[in-house]
């Protein structure tokens, strides 16, 4: 299934049914009086988060959603039937905005969470409501209210604890394969990852976390180059970013320090809040070098970046150094999540 993380839709709630202006007329009841019932409520449009859905693809093909109108009131004090609500299922992590004023309507972050995005109109009042001591045969009734209509923007931001940053071929997909059951496509050419991949990492029997792999960034991504800029939003919910750097690039002219600085610059251009998130440096592909050379290159990269945070040297392909990294991540998340004690 194609991964679609944005969609624009129209929603139209149903109108309320009109009230009835009926008068009771029965044999042997000469003064029956008013008996017009109220109209039914129009159907509302409700968006519901569902963990069984992971893309907004169906909203690229069906863009207009309408609820039915409420039924009109009838005589004998019978109210009209209200219309059923229309439920739109979306992935967990979907953000909904009103395109008219760019107002945030809601952020659906857990399974089963619902948001009424267009309210159905109230039913009109029947003439029985206007009966009084001075007006015993009222003819008044009210029409039903119109239902709301809105243009909405749906945007999916995946829910993950940890996000992976890095140039194409930094080994992010290989890393997520090594630490989780996710099996993203892996190859030796750039942009192997074309959409976000999520993997659940189990550090031990009691602790697990979700890690997100997004398409690799390149210099100029914030201006539209490459693929990664359009997926950076999927890292905005994370607690920690892992910056993967290829410690042994195939191209001898490639400079890991320059490439890493370019990624950091693109991150800052895109979103200052994302740039300020905790970041760890993960130097990958150490298995391609002798141990002493890997250590020397690691020191050079750390010095060139003036890196002050945690540094890990690993081989995702061989799974060397991966386990200590996952334990360190789990410990960090235990302290950073809401309700954690220090």
Protein backbone atom coordinates (compact mmCIF):
# COMPACT_ATOMS: atom_id res chain seq x y z
CA UNK A 1 0.00 0.00 0.00
CA UNK A 2 1.26 3.45 -0.89
CA UNK A 3 2.28 5.59 2.07
CA UNK A 4 0.36 8.88 2.05
CA UNK A 5 0.85 11.23 5.01
CA UNK A 6 -1.20 14.24 3.89
CA UNK A 7 -4.68 14.71 2.47
CA UNK A 8 -7.25 17.44 1.95
CA UNK A 9 -10.94 16.63 2.36
CA UNK A 10 -14.34 18.33 2.50
CA UNK A 11 -16.81 17.40 5.21
CA UNK A 12 -20.49 18.33 5.26
CA UNK A 13 -22.60 17.57 8.30
CA UNK A 14 -26.32 16.95 7.83
CA UNK A 15 -28.99 19.61 8.31
CA UNK A 16 -31.56 19.29 11.06
CA UNK A 17 -35.07 18.29 10.04
CA UNK A 18 -37.78 20.95 10.18
CA UNK A 19 -40.41 20.95 12.89
CA UNK A 20 -44.01 20.06 12.16
CA UNK A 21 -47.00 22.43 12.37
CA UNK A 22 -49.60 19.71 12.76
CA UNK A 23 -52.97 20.06 14.56
CA UNK A 24 -54.62 17.13 16.28
CA UNK A 25 -57.87 16.23 14.51
CA UNK A 26 -59.76 13.23 15.81
CA UNK A 27 -63.40 12.30 16.08
CA UNK A 28 -64.92 13.35 19.40
CA UNK A 29 -61.87 15.59 20.12
CA UNK A 30 -63.13 19.00 19.01
CA UNK A 31 -60.29 20.94 20.60
CA UNK A 32 -57.31 18.74 19.83
CA UNK A 33 -54.69 21.46 19.72
CA UNK A 34 -51.16 21.38 18.27
CA UNK A 35 -49.28 18.07 18.03
CA UNK A 36 -46.41 18.81 15.66
CA UNK A 37 -43.16 17.05 16.64
CA UNK A 38 -39.58 18.27 16.42
CA UNK A 39 -37.23 17.56 13.55
CA UNK A 40 -34.33 15.13 13.93
CA UNK A 41 -30.69 16.16 14.33
CA UNK A 42 -28.47 16.03 11.25
CA UNK A 43 -25.59 13.58 11.20
CA UNK A 44 -22.15 14.79 12.33
CA UNK A 45 -18.73 13.98 10.83
CA UNK A 46 -16.41 12.33 13.35
CA UNK A 47 -12.76 11.39 12.86
CA UNK A 48 -11.48 8.38 14.82
CA UNK A 49 -7.90 7.17 15.30
CA UNK A 50 -7.33 3.50 14.51
CA UNK A 51 -4.10 1.55 15.02
CA UNK A 52 -5.06 -0.80 12.17
CA UNK A 53 -4.55 2.03 9.65
CA UNK A 54 -1.12 3.44 8.81
CA UNK A 55 -1.71 5.70 5.82
CA UNK A 56 -4.14 8.37 4.59
CA UNK A 57 -4.23 6.88 1.09
CA UNK A 58 -8.02 6.39 0.95
CA UNK A 59 -8.53 10.14 1.46
CA UNK A 60 -6.63 10.83 -1.75
CA UNK A 61 -9.38 9.14 -3.76
CA UNK A 62 -12.53 9.96 -1.76
CA UNK A 63 -12.35 13.61 -0.73
CA UNK A 64 -15.94 14.66 -0.02
CA UNK A 65 -17.89 13.21 2.90
CA UNK A 66 -21.51 14.05 3.65
CA UNK A 67 -23.77 13.05 6.52
CA UNK A 68 -27.51 12.67 6.02
CA UNK A 69 -30.08 15.21 7.09
CA UNK A 70 -32.41 14.66 10.03
CA UNK A 71 -36.00 13.67 9.28
CA UNK A 72 -38.75 16.29 9.66
CA UNK A 73 -41.14 16.15 12.59
CA UNK A 74 -44.60 14.65 12.17
CA UNK A 75 -48.02 14.93 13.70
CA UNK A 76 -49.21 13.07 16.80
CA UNK A 77 -46.23 14.52 18.65
CA UNK A 78 -43.78 12.35 16.68
CA UNK A 79 -40.23 13.64 16.44
CA UNK A 80 -38.20 13.07 13.29
CA UNK A 81 -35.41 10.51 13.38
CA UNK A 82 -31.86 11.80 13.77
CA UNK A 83 -29.34 10.88 11.09
CA UNK A 84 -26.39 8.58 11.77
CA UNK A 85 -22.96 10.10 12.22
CA UNK A 86 -20.26 9.46 9.63
CA UNK A 87 -17.07 7.99 11.15
CA UNK A 88 -13.80 8.57 9.28
CA UNK A 89 -10.97 6.24 10.38
CA UNK A 90 -7.44 7.67 10.31
CA UNK A 91 -4.03 6.48 11.57
CA UNK A 92 -3.00 7.22 15.14
CA UNK A 93 -0.89 10.39 15.04
CA UNK A 94 -3.09 12.31 12.59
CA UNK A 95 -3.26 16.09 13.02
CA UNK A 96 -6.40 17.84 11.73
CA UNK A 97 -6.57 21.50 10.72
CA UNK A 98 -9.32 23.74 9.36
CA UNK A 99 -8.00 25.10 6.06
CA UNK A 100 -10.20 28.19 6.23
CA UNK A 101 -8.34 29.72 9.19
CA UNK A 102 -5.49 27.22 9.71
CA UNK A 103 -6.93 26.42 13.13
CA UNK A 104 -5.74 23.21 14.80
CA UNK A 105 -8.86 21.15 15.47
CA UNK A 106 -7.21 18.16 17.08
CA UNK A 107 -4.31 15.74 17.35
CA UNK A 108 -5.34 12.09 17.57
CA UNK A 109 -2.58 10.36 19.54
CA UNK A 110 -4.18 7.15 20.81
CA UNK A 111 -6.39 4.36 19.50
CA UNK A 112 -10.10 5.06 19.65
CA UNK A 113 -9.72 8.81 20.21
CA UNK A 114 -12.50 10.72 18.44
CA UNK A 115 -12.91 14.28 17.21
CA UNK A 116 -16.13 15.84 15.92
CA UNK A 117 -14.98 17.95 12.97
CA UNK A 118 -18.39 18.97 11.61
CA UNK A 119 -21.45 19.17 13.84
CA UNK A 120 -24.86 18.21 12.55
CA UNK A 121 -27.62 20.80 12.66
CA UNK A 122 -30.23 20.74 15.41
CA UNK A 123 -33.74 19.74 14.47
CA UNK A 124 -36.41 22.41 14.24
CA UNK A 125 -39.16 22.82 16.84
CA UNK A 126 -42.70 21.63 16.16
CA UNK A 127 -45.69 23.80 16.93
CA UNK A 128 -46.39 21.87 20.14
CA UNK A 129 -43.53 23.86 21.67
CA UNK A 130 -45.31 27.17 21.05
CA UNK A 131 -48.56 26.28 22.83
CA UNK A 132 -49.49 28.66 25.63
CA UNK A 133 -52.51 29.89 27.54
CA UNK A 134 -52.87 32.75 25.08
CA UNK A 135 -51.96 30.83 21.93
CA UNK A 136 -53.77 27.53 21.97
CA UNK A 137 -53.54 26.82 18.25
CA UNK A 138 -50.04 27.94 17.25
CA UNK A 139 -48.97 27.56 13.65
CA UNK A 140 -45.35 28.40 14.33
CA UNK A 141 -42.55 25.93 13.74
CA UNK A 142 -38.84 26.35 13.08
CA UNK A 143 -36.70 24.93 10.31
CA UNK A 144 -33.75 22.77 11.21
CA UNK A 145 -30.28 24.29 11.58
CA UNK A 146 -27.74 23.81 8.84
CA UNK A 147 -24.92 21.38 9.47
CA UNK A 148 -21.31 22.58 9.50
CA UNK A 149 -19.18 22.33 6.36
CA UNK A 150 -15.39 22.52 6.44
CA UNK A 151 -12.29 22.05 4.33
CA UNK A 152 -9.83 19.99 6.35
CA UNK A 153 -6.15 19.19 6.09
CA UNK A 154 -5.13 15.79 7.47
CA UNK A 155 -1.46 15.31 8.29
CA UNK A 156 0.04 12.12 9.67
CA UNK A 157 2.98 12.40 12.06
CA UNK A 158 4.11 8.95 13.08
CA UNK A 159 4.41 8.17 16.78
CA UNK A 160 7.93 7.10 17.67
CA UNK A 161 10.21 7.47 20.69
CA UNK A 162 13.45 7.58 18.70
CA UNK A 163 14.20 8.97 15.24
CA UNK A 164 17.11 8.22 12.92
CA UNK A 165 18.99 10.97 11.08
CA UNK A 166 21.68 10.59 8.47
CA UNK A 167 22.75 10.86 4.88
CA UNK A 168 21.55 8.27 2.36
CA UNK A 169 23.47 5.01 2.88
CA UNK A 170 24.44 5.91 6.45
CA UNK A 171 23.01 2.52 7.43
CA UNK A 172 19.73 3.61 9.03
CA UNK A 173 17.64 0.86 7.45
CA UNK A 174 20.26 -1.74 8.36
CA UNK A 175 20.27 -0.43 11.92
CA UNK A 176 16.48 -0.65 12.29
CA UNK A 177 16.62 -4.22 10.94
CA UNK A 178 19.29 -5.07 13.50
CA UNK A 179 17.38 -3.79 16.54
CA UNK A 180 13.77 -4.62 15.66
CA UNK A 181 11.52 -6.93 13.68
CA UNK A 182 11.02 -4.29 10.97
CA UNK A 183 12.41 -5.29 7.57
CA UNK A 184 12.90 -2.15 5.47
CA UNK A 185 14.48 -2.48 2.06
CA UNK A 186 18.28 -2.28 2.10
CA UNK A 187 20.52 -1.57 -0.90
CA UNK A 188 23.78 0.14 -1.88
CA UNK A 189 22.17 3.04 -3.74
CA UNK A 190 20.87 6.35 -2.30
CA UNK A 191 17.29 6.82 -1.16
CA UNK A 192 16.58 3.15 -0.55
CA UNK A 193 14.05 4.31 2.05
CA UNK A 194 11.18 6.08 0.30
CA UNK A 195 8.79 6.32 3.25
CA UNK A 196 9.06 6.15 7.06
CA UNK A 197 9.61 2.75 8.64
CA UNK A 198 8.69 1.99 12.24
CA UNK A 199 10.24 -0.74 14.34
CA UNK A 200 9.54 -1.85 17.90
CA UNK A 201 12.75 -2.42 19.83
CA UNK A 202 12.62 -4.65 22.91
CA UNK A 203 15.56 -3.73 25.14
CA UNK A 204 14.62 -6.31 27.79
CA UNK A 205 11.54 -8.16 29.05
CA UNK A 206 10.04 -5.05 30.65
CA UNK A 207 11.10 -2.23 28.31
CA UNK A 208 10.51 -1.47 24.66
CA UNK A 209 10.39 1.60 22.43
CA UNK A 210 9.47 2.59 18.88
CA UNK A 211 12.13 3.78 16.44
CA UNK A 212 11.48 5.60 13.15
CA UNK A 213 13.65 5.49 10.05
CA UNK A 214 12.94 8.28 7.54
CA UNK A 215 14.47 8.88 4.10
CA UNK A 216 18.02 10.20 4.23
CA UNK A 217 18.69 13.91 4.22
CA UNK A 218 21.04 15.70 1.87
CA UNK A 219 22.30 19.25 1.79
CA UNK A 220 19.57 21.58 0.54
CA UNK A 221 16.76 19.37 1.85
CA UNK A 222 15.04 22.31 3.54
CA UNK A 223 14.74 23.93 0.08
CA UNK A 224 13.32 20.74 -1.43
CA UNK A 225 16.37 18.73 -2.51
CA UNK A 226 16.18 14.98 -2.06
CA UNK A 227 13.44 13.25 -0.11
CA UNK A 228 14.10 13.74 3.58
CA UNK A 229 12.69 17.25 4.04
CA UNK A 230 9.10 16.13 3.54
CA UNK A 231 9.50 13.40 6.17
CA UNK A 232 11.21 15.40 8.93
CA UNK A 233 7.79 16.07 10.45
CA UNK A 234 7.70 12.40 11.43
CA UNK A 235 10.54 13.07 13.88
CA UNK A 236 8.77 15.91 15.68
CA UNK A 237 7.14 13.64 18.27
CA UNK A 238 10.32 11.76 19.17
CA UNK A 239 12.18 12.11 22.49
CA UNK A 240 15.63 11.32 21.06
CA UNK A 241 17.40 11.55 17.70
CA UNK A 242 20.21 9.21 16.64
CA UNK A 243 22.54 10.79 14.11
CA UNK A 244 24.05 7.93 12.10
CA UNK A 245 27.32 8.67 10.33
CA UNK A 246 29.15 6.34 7.95
CA UNK A 247 32.60 5.97 9.49
CA UNK A 248 33.95 4.15 6.42
CA UNK A 249 32.44 5.72 3.26
CA UNK A 250 33.09 4.00 -0.08
CA UNK A 251 34.00 7.34 -1.63
CA UNK A 252 37.45 8.25 -0.33
CA UNK A 253 36.73 11.93 -1.02
CA UNK A 254 33.65 11.91 1.19
CA UNK A 255 34.14 13.69 4.50
CA UNK A 256 31.89 12.36 7.31
CA UNK A 257 32.36 15.56 9.31
CA UNK A 258 31.22 17.81 6.45
CA UNK A 259 28.23 15.56 5.74
CA UNK A 260 27.25 15.45 9.41
CA UNK A 261 27.43 19.24 9.66
CA UNK A 262 25.21 19.53 6.59
CA UNK A 263 22.57 17.31 8.23
CA UNK A 264 22.68 19.40 11.41
CA UNK A 265 22.28 22.60 9.37
CA UNK A 266 19.27 21.20 7.49
CA UNK A 267 17.68 20.15 10.77
CA UNK A 268 18.01 23.67 12.15
CA UNK A 269 16.60 25.23 8.97
CA UNK A 270 13.56 22.99 9.08
CA UNK A 271 12.54 23.30 12.72
CA UNK A 272 14.35 24.92 15.65
CA UNK A 273 12.46 22.73 18.15
CA UNK A 274 13.54 19.59 16.29
CA UNK A 275 17.13 20.87 16.23
CA UNK A 276 17.07 21.28 20.01
CA UNK A 277 15.98 17.72 20.71
CA UNK A 278 18.57 15.46 22.38
CA UNK A 279 20.86 13.91 19.74
CA UNK A 280 23.36 11.08 20.02
CA UNK A 281 26.13 10.41 17.54
CA UNK A 282 26.22 6.85 16.20
CA UNK A 283 29.25 6.01 14.04
CA UNK A 284 28.27 3.06 11.88
CA UNK A 285 30.04 0.49 9.68
CA UNK A 286 32.98 0.01 12.05
CA UNK A 287 33.24 -3.58 10.81
CA UNK A 288 34.76 -2.29 7.56
CA UNK A 289 37.85 -1.00 9.42
CA UNK A 290 40.49 -2.37 11.72
CA UNK A 291 39.75 -1.66 15.37
CA UNK A 292 42.58 0.85 15.76
CA UNK A 293 41.63 2.70 12.58
CA UNK A 294 37.96 2.79 13.62
CA UNK A 295 38.94 4.35 16.96
CA UNK A 296 41.16 6.92 15.23
CA UNK A 297 38.42 7.90 12.77
CA UNK A 298 35.87 8.12 15.58
CA UNK A 299 38.09 10.52 17.52
CA UNK A 300 38.63 12.62 14.39
CA UNK A 301 34.88 12.87 13.67
CA UNK A 302 34.04 13.76 17.26
CA UNK A 303 36.73 16.42 17.29
CA UNK A 304 35.69 17.82 13.89
CA UNK A 305 32.06 18.12 15.01
CA UNK A 306 33.00 19.39 18.47
CA UNK A 307 30.50 16.84 19.70
CA UNK A 308 29.62 17.06 23.39
CA UNK A 309 26.92 14.40 23.64
CA UNK A 310 27.01 10.59 23.81
CA UNK A 311 28.93 8.75 21.07
CA UNK A 312 28.55 5.11 20.03
CA UNK A 313 30.67 3.19 17.54
CA UNK A 314 28.74 0.25 16.08
CA UNK A 315 28.32 -2.09 13.16
CA UNK A 316 24.65 -2.43 12.32
CA UNK A 317 25.47 -5.09 9.73
CA UNK A 318 27.23 -7.30 12.31
CA UNK A 319 25.12 -6.08 15.26
CA UNK A 320 28.32 -5.14 17.10
CA UNK A 321 27.75 -2.49 19.79
CA UNK A 322 24.01 -2.45 19.10
CA UNK A 323 22.87 -4.00 22.37
CA UNK A 324 24.59 -1.45 24.65
CA UNK A 325 23.10 1.31 22.52
CA UNK A 326 19.54 -0.04 22.89
CA UNK A 327 19.97 -0.33 26.67
CA UNK A 328 21.26 3.26 26.83
CA UNK A 329 18.25 4.45 24.80
CA UNK A 330 15.84 2.60 27.08
CA UNK A 331 17.46 4.16 30.15
CA UNK A 332 17.24 7.63 28.58
CA UNK A 333 13.57 7.18 27.68
CA UNK A 334 12.76 5.99 31.19
CA UNK A 335 13.97 9.38 32.46
CA UNK A 336 12.53 11.56 29.70
CA UNK A 337 9.00 10.25 29.46
CA UNK A 338 6.24 12.02 31.42
CA UNK A 339 6.03 10.82 34.99
CA UNK A 340 9.64 9.65 35.12
CA UNK A 341 11.53 10.16 38.37
CA UNK A 342 15.11 11.32 38.50
